[in-house]
Amino acid sequence: MYHVIGAGLAGLSAAVALTAAGQPVTLHEAAAFAGGRCRSYFDRELGCRVDNGNHLLLSGNRAALAYLDRIGARATLAAPAAPAFAFLDLASGQRWTVRPNLGRLPWWLLVPARRVAGTRARDYLALLALRRAGPDETVAQTLADGTLYRRLLAPLAIAALNTPPEAALARLLAAVMDETLLRGGAACIPLLPRIGLSESFVDPALAWLAARGAVVRLGSRVVGLRIAAGRLEGLDTPQGTLALAPGDGAVLAVPPGVAAGLLAELAVPDAFQAIVNLHFRADPPPGAPGFIGLIGGAAEWVFAKPGHVSVTISAANRLVDQPAEALATSIWPEVCQAMGLAGALPSWRVLKEKRATFAATAAQERLRPHARSGIANLALAGDWTATGLPATIEGAIRSGQSAAEVLLRAV
């Protein structure tokens, strides 16, 4: 029997991988729902279903797409035929759309209408500097300031790393770019849930697990680990201790602070960055892009959703303590400008995740543990583990798969 502790994307990924290997699995989740930060729910005040945050998947996210294929959920994502990333400079009103060609040879850089407005083809050679960045070098230190940096590279870095470029680790951004933009446009096609995050990543996984005999226990908190002679021997719960047989194992797929509380000697990231998401009850106009990046404002990315418009602000420690109403009031005009909307502030919801992800700095990167916990039959999973990527959907799913592989080899 394999126990997976935590039913966020890392835990779901681990449970799916172990079940696919023919192993019996019990999934424990302390909350009354699965999905962690990647889920959907019905907001009664807005009167519509919303995602708790906005997550953008790209076609180069191979682990995430393999996970969706396995649980039969690839069709729940909508994808354009070719990559297109719309932007608006709020100060000047200038709009442009970045359109990489599908092949690996980047001929799109020779076409001004496909590039960031105001850039030259040779400006994009700056991306290669990411591969040469030193181990502790930041994004701002690695990439030269200029139009391309301010209008594309810095916004992408903030979105991917959830950390200001002045502190964000350049090699983590390089890892993202190597798997997407630097592989050509075919790896950059944006994929968005047709309905919601839960309908794509969570509900199909739970149904897939149940159909194969896995046990899912929501509201099931593990409060302690019984470890002796280098092995995990039991899981303490409020109802008692679950004993592990000699061939059993477990994946610990909980937030880093919870993991450190259960494993006293475990070093984990301990500095975090916030994300602020805002949802406005307004119908996106016909023909509106699925999402648009904003330059020069407080809002960073605006998403058109069924019956509402959502905004994501990453690296938001500077904003997280501001009153929710003040945030909604200040952001709504930017949403109107981006989406061509008008009118008074509609119904809104502000969601603040104060510890959304670990800070993607050199110091925090050194604290990320590997999947091997040091306990023979216990593996670690989570986007905060040493995946080689920042805290993303791809990193979370990859971590779950790695943890499952560790257990299958060790137990």
Protein backbone atom coordinates (compact mmCIF):
# COMPACT_ATOMS: atom_id res chain seq x y z
CA MET A 1 0.00 0.00 0.00
CA TYR A 2 1.19 3.49 -0.87
CA HIS A 3 -0.10 6.51 1.02
CA VAL A 4 -0.02 9.95 -0.59
CA ILE A 5 -0.34 12.79 1.91
CA GLY A 6 -1.75 15.89 0.23
CA ALA A 7 -4.07 16.11 -2.78
CA GLY A 8 -2.75 19.19 -4.52
CA LEU A 9 -1.40 18.71 -8.02
CA ALA A 10 1.82 17.15 -6.72
CA GLY A 11 -0.10 14.63 -4.63
CA LEU A 12 -2.57 13.88 -7.40
CA SER A 13 0.30 13.38 -9.83
CA ALA A 14 2.03 10.98 -7.44
CA ALA A 15 -1.18 9.05 -6.78
CA VAL A 16 -1.90 8.73 -10.50
CA ALA A 17 1.65 7.56 -11.25
CA LEU A 18 1.59 4.95 -8.47
CA THR A 19 -1.85 3.72 -9.45
CA ALA A 20 -0.80 3.51 -13.10
CA ALA A 21 2.08 1.28 -11.95
CA GLY A 22 -0.50 -1.14 -10.54
CA GLN A 23 -0.04 -0.22 -6.90
CA PRO A 24 -2.81 0.23 -4.29
CA VAL A 25 -3.00 3.88 -3.20
CA THR A 26 -4.73 5.82 -0.44
CA LEU A 27 -4.77 9.59 -0.87
CA HIS A 28 -5.10 11.71 2.28
CA GLU A 29 -6.16 15.37 2.09
CA ALA A 30 -6.69 17.51 5.17
CA ALA A 31 -9.07 19.89 3.37
CA ALA A 32 -12.57 19.07 2.25
CA PHE A 33 -11.50 19.42 -1.40
CA ALA A 34 -8.61 18.36 -3.61
CA GLY A 35 -6.51 20.55 -5.89
CA GLY A 36 -4.79 22.85 -3.42
CA ARG A 37 -4.09 26.18 -5.14
CA CYS A 38 -5.21 24.80 -8.50
CA ARG A 39 -8.96 24.44 -8.18
CA SER A 40 -12.32 25.98 -9.00
CA TYR A 41 -15.35 26.78 -6.87
CA PHE A 42 -18.71 28.54 -7.11
CA ASP A 43 -18.50 32.06 -5.70
CA ARG A 44 -21.90 32.93 -4.28
CA GLU A 45 -21.24 36.65 -4.17
CA LEU A 46 -20.29 36.76 -7.84
CA GLY A 47 -22.85 34.16 -8.84
CA CYS A 48 -20.44 32.23 -11.05
CA ARG A 49 -17.76 29.58 -10.93
CA VAL A 50 -14.20 30.91 -10.63
CA ASP A 51 -10.67 29.56 -10.39
CA ASN A 52 -8.94 30.42 -7.15
CA GLY A 53 -6.06 31.64 -9.29
CA ASN A 54 -5.14 31.92 -12.95
CA HIS A 55 -2.67 29.34 -14.24
CA LEU A 56 -1.45 29.31 -17.82
CA LEU A 57 -0.20 26.04 -19.28
CA LEU A 58 1.95 25.96 -22.41
CA SER A 59 2.26 23.17 -24.94
CA GLY A 60 5.90 22.67 -23.91
CA ASN A 61 4.80 21.57 -20.43
CA ARG A 62 5.29 17.91 -21.25
CA ALA A 63 4.77 16.42 -17.78
CA ALA A 64 1.51 18.29 -17.28
CA LEU A 65 0.19 17.23 -20.66
CA ALA A 66 1.19 13.60 -20.06
CA TYR A 67 -0.73 13.75 -16.76
CA LEU A 68 -3.80 15.15 -18.54
CA ASP A 69 -3.53 12.50 -21.23
CA ARG A 70 -3.37 9.74 -18.63
CA ILE A 71 -6.49 10.93 -16.80
CA GLY A 72 -8.31 11.60 -20.07
CA ALA A 73 -8.54 15.37 -19.64
CA ARG A 74 -6.52 16.85 -22.52
CA ALA A 75 -9.72 17.82 -24.34
CA THR A 76 -10.79 20.00 -21.41
CA LEU A 77 -8.17 22.56 -22.48
CA ALA A 78 -8.72 25.01 -25.30
CA ALA A 79 -5.78 25.83 -27.56
CA PRO A 80 -5.35 28.11 -30.57
CA ALA A 81 -3.74 26.74 -33.71
CA ALA A 82 -0.66 28.88 -33.16
CA PRO A 83 0.83 30.81 -30.24
CA ALA A 84 -0.34 34.38 -29.73
CA PHE A 85 0.33 36.61 -26.73
CA ALA A 86 -1.51 39.94 -26.68
CA PHE A 87 -0.11 42.93 -24.78
CA LEU A 88 -1.18 46.48 -23.98
CA ASP A 89 0.96 49.35 -22.78
CA LEU A 90 -1.44 51.15 -20.46
CA ALA A 91 0.47 54.45 -20.58
CA SER A 92 0.71 54.80 -24.36
CA GLY A 93 -2.31 52.69 -25.36
CA GLN A 94 -0.11 50.76 -27.80
CA ARG A 95 -1.12 47.16 -28.45
CA TRP A 96 0.83 44.30 -29.99
CA THR A 97 0.71 40.53 -30.23
CA VAL A 98 3.77 38.31 -30.01
CA ARG A 99 3.37 35.51 -32.55
CA PRO A 100 6.22 32.95 -32.64
CA ASN A 101 6.17 30.61 -35.64
CA LEU A 102 5.61 26.93 -34.94
CA GLY A 103 9.02 25.68 -36.06
CA ARG A 104 12.28 25.82 -34.10
CA LEU A 105 13.94 28.22 -36.56
CA PRO A 106 12.65 31.57 -35.25
CA TRP A 107 11.93 33.39 -38.50
CA TRP A 108 9.16 35.30 -36.71
CA LEU A 109 11.84 37.59 -35.29
CA LEU A 110 12.36 38.98 -38.81
CA VAL A 111 8.72 40.11 -39.03
CA PRO A 112 8.07 43.34 -37.08
CA ALA A 113 4.35 42.61 -36.73
CA ARG A 114 5.17 39.39 -34.86
CA ARG A 115 7.63 40.94 -32.41
CA VAL A 116 7.17 43.07 -29.33
CA ALA A 117 6.43 46.62 -30.49
CA GLY A 118 9.57 48.73 -30.58
CA THR A 119 12.05 45.84 -30.63
CA ARG A 120 14.57 44.64 -33.19
CA ALA A 121 15.36 41.07 -34.18
CA ARG A 122 18.84 41.20 -32.63
CA ASP A 123 17.37 42.23 -29.27
CA TYR A 124 16.16 38.66 -28.78
CA LEU A 125 19.72 37.34 -28.61
CA ALA A 126 19.45 38.45 -24.98
CA LEU A 127 17.54 35.23 -24.29
CA LEU A 128 20.73 33.25 -24.85
CA ALA A 129 22.32 35.12 -21.95
CA LEU A 130 20.04 33.19 -19.61
CA ARG A 131 21.90 29.98 -20.45
CA ARG A 132 25.18 31.60 -19.41
CA ALA A 133 23.91 33.03 -16.13
CA GLY A 134 25.93 32.30 -13.03
CA PRO A 135 24.50 30.06 -10.30
CA ASP A 136 23.33 32.99 -8.17
CA GLU A 137 22.75 35.57 -10.89
CA THR A 138 19.37 37.30 -10.97
CA VAL A 139 17.15 37.93 -13.96
CA ALA A 140 17.82 41.67 -13.79
CA GLN A 141 21.58 41.08 -13.68
CA THR A 142 21.48 38.71 -16.63
CA LEU A 143 19.16 40.52 -19.04
CA ALA A 144 19.91 44.02 -20.27
CA ASP A 145 17.30 46.67 -19.60
CA GLY A 146 15.46 47.95 -22.64
CA THR A 147 12.19 47.70 -24.54
CA LEU A 148 12.25 43.91 -24.86
CA TYR A 149 13.03 43.50 -21.17
CA ARG A 150 10.30 45.86 -19.97
CA ARG A 151 7.65 44.73 -22.44
CA LEU A 152 8.20 40.96 -22.46
CA LEU A 153 11.04 39.40 -20.50
CA ALA A 154 10.40 41.02 -17.12
CA PRO A 155 6.64 40.32 -17.24
CA LEU A 156 7.31 36.70 -18.20
CA ALA A 157 9.86 36.34 -15.41
CA ILE A 158 7.46 37.73 -12.82
CA ALA A 159 4.66 35.45 -14.01
CA ALA A 160 6.82 32.30 -14.15
CA LEU A 161 8.92 32.84 -11.02
CA ASN A 162 6.52 34.91 -8.90
CA THR A 163 9.49 36.94 -7.72
CA PRO A 164 10.74 40.44 -8.70
CA PRO A 165 13.43 40.22 -11.43
CA GLU A 166 15.90 42.00 -9.17
CA ALA A 167 15.86 38.95 -6.87
CA ALA A 168 14.62 36.13 -9.12
CA LEU A 169 17.11 33.42 -10.08
CA ALA A 170 18.02 33.64 -13.77
CA ARG A 171 18.65 29.91 -14.19
CA LEU A 172 15.07 29.13 -13.18
CA LEU A 173 13.82 31.43 -15.91
CA ALA A 174 16.31 29.78 -18.29
CA ALA A 175 14.78 26.38 -17.48
CA VAL A 176 11.31 27.68 -18.36
CA MET A 177 12.52 29.30 -21.58
CA ASP A 178 14.45 26.18 -22.62
CA GLU A 179 11.27 24.12 -22.49
CA THR A 180 9.03 26.67 -24.20
CA LEU A 181 10.10 29.71 -26.22
CA LEU A 182 13.57 28.45 -27.10
CA ARG A 183 12.07 25.22 -28.44
CA GLY A 184 9.98 27.12 -30.96
CA GLY A 185 6.39 28.23 -31.21
CA ALA A 186 5.01 24.68 -31.12
CA ALA A 187 6.07 24.59 -27.46
CA CYS A 188 4.49 27.97 -26.69
CA ILE A 189 0.83 27.42 -27.54
CA PRO A 190 -1.22 28.64 -24.56
CA LEU A 191 -3.65 26.13 -23.11
CA LEU A 192 -6.57 27.35 -20.98
CA PRO A 193 -9.29 25.31 -19.25
CA ARG A 194 -12.56 25.40 -21.16
CA ILE A 195 -14.47 25.44 -17.85
CA GLY A 196 -12.15 25.62 -14.85
CA LEU A 197 -9.02 24.29 -13.21
CA SER A 198 -10.86 21.63 -11.22
CA GLU A 199 -12.63 20.34 -14.32
CA SER A 200 -9.26 19.89 -16.03
CA PHE A 201 -6.72 18.92 -13.38
CA VAL A 202 -8.60 17.71 -10.33
CA ASP A 203 -12.00 16.14 -10.97
CA PRO A 204 -10.82 13.88 -13.83
CA ALA A 205 -7.89 12.69 -11.67
CA LEU A 206 -10.18 11.84 -8.76
CA ALA A 207 -12.53 9.95 -11.09
CA TRP A 208 -9.60 8.14 -12.72
CA LEU A 209 -8.21 7.09 -9.34
CA ALA A 210 -11.59 5.93 -8.04
CA ALA A 211 -12.20 3.87 -11.17
CA ARG A 212 -8.96 1.99 -10.49
CA GLY A 213 -9.60 1.28 -6.85
CA ALA A 214 -7.60 4.06 -5.22
CA VAL A 215 -9.05 5.40 -1.97
CA VAL A 216 -9.45 9.17 -1.65
CA ARG A 217 -9.93 10.50 1.87
CA LEU A 218 -10.85 14.16 2.02
CA GLY A 219 -10.84 15.78 5.44
CA SER A 220 -8.18 13.25 6.45
CA ARG A 221 -5.32 14.99 8.25
CA VAL A 222 -1.99 13.35 8.95
CA VAL A 223 -0.58 14.96 12.09
CA GLY A 224 2.57 12.92 12.60
CA LEU A 225 4.94 10.40 11.06
CA ARG A 226 6.20 7.33 12.96
CA ILE A 227 9.79 6.74 11.87
CA ALA A 228 12.12 4.08 13.21
CA ALA A 229 15.40 2.65 11.92
CA GLY A 230 15.29 4.87 8.86
CA ARG A 231 11.82 3.76 7.74
CA LEU A 232 8.33 5.19 7.95
CA GLU A 233 6.28 2.81 10.10
CA GLY A 234 3.02 4.69 10.63
CA LEU A 235 0.89 7.76 9.99
CA ASP A 236 -0.61 9.51 12.99
CA THR A 237 -4.11 10.91 12.48
CA PRO A 238 -6.63 12.40 14.91
CA GLN A 239 -8.40 9.04 14.82
CA GLY A 240 -5.30 7.00 15.59
CA THR A 241 -2.20 5.57 13.92
CA LEU A 242 -2.23 3.89 10.52
CA ALA A 243 0.49 1.24 10.60
CA LEU A 244 2.56 0.63 7.46
CA ALA A 245 3.45 -2.91 6.48
CA PRO A 246 7.06 -3.73 5.49
CA GLY A 247 6.39 -3.16 1.78
CA ASP A 248 4.39 0.04 2.20
CA GLY A 249 5.55 3.57 1.46
CA ALA A 250 4.32 7.17 1.36
CA VAL A 251 4.65 10.42 -0.54
CA LEU A 252 4.62 13.62 1.48
CA ALA A 253 3.05 16.19 -0.86
CA VAL A 254 2.12 19.04 1.47
CA PRO A 255 3.23 22.71 1.69
CA PRO A 256 6.83 23.19 2.82
CA GLY A 257 5.96 24.46 6.30
CA VAL A 258 3.73 21.45 6.93
CA ALA A 259 6.42 19.09 5.65
CA ALA A 260 9.01 20.63 7.97
CA GLY A 261 6.59 20.22 10.88
CA LEU A 262 6.30 16.51 10.15
CA LEU A 263 10.01 15.96 9.45
CA ALA A 264 11.96 17.99 11.98
CA GLU A 265 15.33 17.72 10.21
CA LEU A 266 13.98 18.71 6.82
CA ALA A 267 15.23 22.02 5.38
CA VAL A 268 12.62 23.72 3.19
CA PRO A 269 12.14 27.11 1.56
CA ASP A 270 11.08 29.65 4.17
CA ALA A 271 10.59 32.90 2.23
CA PHE A 272 7.51 33.38 0.11
CA GLN A 273 5.90 35.65 -2.45
CA ALA A 274 2.23 36.52 -2.64
CA ILE A 275 -0.18 36.41 -5.57
CA VAL A 276 -3.27 38.58 -5.73
CA ASN A 277 -6.16 37.51 -7.96
CA LEU A 278 -9.20 39.63 -8.68
CA HIS A 279 -12.46 38.46 -10.25
CA PHE A 280 -14.95 40.92 -11.75
CA ARG A 281 -18.52 39.92 -12.67
CA ALA A 282 -18.49 41.22 -16.21
CA ASP A 283 -18.98 39.44 -19.51
CA PRO A 284 -15.89 39.69 -21.73
CA PRO A 285 -16.76 41.33 -25.06
CA PRO A 286 -17.08 39.11 -28.14
CA GLY A 287 -13.72 38.49 -29.75
CA ALA A 288 -11.72 39.38 -26.66
CA PRO A 289 -8.41 37.51 -26.36
CA GLY A 290 -8.31 34.70 -23.83
CA PHE A 291 -5.75 36.70 -21.91
CA ILE A 292 -3.73 39.88 -22.28
CA GLY A 293 -0.56 41.11 -20.63
CA LEU A 294 -0.54 44.65 -19.27
CA ILE A 295 2.55 46.85 -19.15
CA GLY A 296 2.88 49.83 -16.84
CA GLY A 297 -0.01 49.20 -14.47
CA ALA A 298 -0.79 47.33 -11.28
CA ALA A 299 -2.61 44.53 -13.13
CA GLU A 300 -0.31 42.18 -15.03
CA TRP A 301 -2.50 39.60 -16.78
CA VAL A 302 -6.20 39.81 -17.54
CA PHE A 303 -8.11 36.65 -18.42
CA ALA A 304 -11.48 36.42 -20.16
CA LYS A 305 -13.53 33.74 -18.41
CA PRO A 306 -17.15 32.55 -18.74
CA GLY A 307 -19.24 35.29 -17.10
CA HIS A 308 -16.33 37.14 -15.52
CA VAL A 309 -12.93 38.69 -16.03
CA SER A 310 -9.96 37.71 -13.85
CA VAL A 311 -6.73 39.51 -13.04
CA THR A 312 -3.51 38.03 -11.72
CA ILE A 313 -0.79 40.06 -10.00
CA SER A 314 2.34 38.07 -9.19
CA ALA A 315 5.21 38.94 -6.84
CA ALA A 316 2.53 40.85 -4.94
CA ASN A 317 4.04 41.22 -1.46
CA ARG A 318 3.80 44.99 -1.98
CA LEU A 319 0.03 44.77 -2.45
CA VAL A 320 -1.11 41.97 -0.21
CA ASP A 321 -1.86 44.17 2.79
CA GLN A 322 -3.87 46.76 0.86
CA PRO A 323 -7.65 46.75 1.45
CA ALA A 324 -9.50 44.54 -1.01
CA GLU A 325 -11.92 47.27 -2.08
CA ALA A 326 -9.08 49.68 -2.80
CA LEU A 327 -7.42 47.05 -4.98
CA ALA A 328 -10.61 46.31 -6.91
CA THR A 329 -11.33 50.01 -7.43
CA SER A 330 -7.84 50.76 -8.73
CA ILE A 331 -7.60 47.69 -10.98
CA TRP A 332 -11.03 47.91 -12.64
CA PRO A 333 -10.09 50.85 -14.96
CA GLU A 334 -7.10 48.87 -16.19
CA VAL A 335 -9.37 45.90 -16.91
CA CYS A 336 -11.73 48.15 -18.83
CA GLN A 337 -8.89 49.52 -20.93
CA ALA A 338 -7.55 46.04 -21.62
CA MET A 339 -10.83 44.37 -22.50
CA GLY A 340 -12.75 47.28 -23.98
CA LEU A 341 -15.26 47.32 -21.14
CA ALA A 342 -16.97 50.31 -19.54
CA GLY A 343 -19.18 51.13 -16.61
CA ALA A 344 -19.07 51.31 -12.85
CA LEU A 345 -17.22 48.79 -10.74
CA PRO A 346 -19.21 45.53 -10.91
CA SER A 347 -19.36 42.81 -8.26
CA TRP A 348 -15.84 41.71 -7.44
CA ARG A 349 -13.82 39.26 -5.42
CA VAL A 350 -10.19 39.70 -4.30
CA LEU A 351 -8.22 36.60 -3.35
CA LYS A 352 -4.88 37.06 -1.61
CA GLU A 353 -2.43 34.19 -1.33
CA LYS A 354 0.22 35.53 1.02
CA ARG A 355 2.42 32.42 0.76
CA ALA A 356 1.52 31.45 -2.80
CA THR A 357 4.98 30.17 -3.77
CA PHE A 358 8.48 30.13 -2.40
CA ALA A 359 10.57 33.13 -3.40
CA ALA A 360 12.57 32.03 -6.44
CA THR A 361 15.89 33.39 -5.17
CA ALA A 362 19.33 31.84 -4.96
CA ALA A 363 19.05 31.48 -1.19
CA GLN A 364 15.70 29.70 -1.40
CA GLU A 365 16.81 27.49 -4.27
CA ARG A 366 19.50 26.04 -2.00
CA LEU A 367 16.80 25.03 0.50
CA ARG A 368 14.74 22.98 -1.94
CA PRO A 369 15.00 19.27 -1.02
CA HIS A 370 15.13 16.42 -3.50
CA ALA A 371 12.42 13.79 -3.78
CA ARG A 372 14.48 11.39 -1.66
CA SER A 373 13.71 12.31 1.93
CA GLY A 374 16.43 10.27 3.60
CA ILE A 375 13.71 7.91 4.87
CA ALA A 376 13.81 4.71 2.83
CA ASN A 377 10.10 4.46 2.08
CA LEU A 378 9.15 8.15 2.15
CA ALA A 379 9.43 10.51 -0.82
CA LEU A 380 8.80 14.24 -1.08
CA ALA A 381 6.68 16.05 -3.68
CA GLY A 382 5.63 19.63 -4.26
CA ASP A 383 6.54 22.54 -6.50
CA TRP A 384 8.90 23.65 -3.69
CA THR A 385 11.09 20.57 -4.06
CA ALA A 386 14.14 20.52 -6.34
CA THR A 387 12.42 20.13 -9.69
CA GLY A 388 14.75 22.45 -11.60
CA LEU A 389 11.73 24.66 -12.32
CA PRO A 390 10.04 27.47 -10.43
CA ALA A 391 6.76 26.86 -8.60
CA THR A 392 4.51 26.04 -11.55
CA ILE A 393 1.91 23.46 -12.53
CA GLU A 394 4.59 21.71 -14.56
CA GLY A 395 6.94 21.63 -11.57
CA ALA A 396 4.25 20.32 -9.22
CA ILE A 397 3.22 17.50 -11.55
CA ARG A 398 6.81 16.61 -12.32
CA SER A 399 7.58 16.43 -8.60
CA GLY A 400 4.75 13.95 -8.02
CA GLN A 401 6.00 11.73 -10.79
CA SER A 402 9.56 11.86 -9.41
CA ALA A 403 8.36 10.95 -5.92
CA ALA A 404 6.44 7.98 -7.28
CA GLU A 405 9.51 6.78 -9.16
CA VAL A 406 11.62 7.05 -6.01
CA LEU A 407 9.17 4.89 -4.07
CA LEU A 408 8.74 2.30 -6.80
CA ARG A 409 12.50 1.82 -6.93
CA ALA A 410 13.06 1.83 -3.18
CA VAL A 411 10.21 -0.10 -1.59
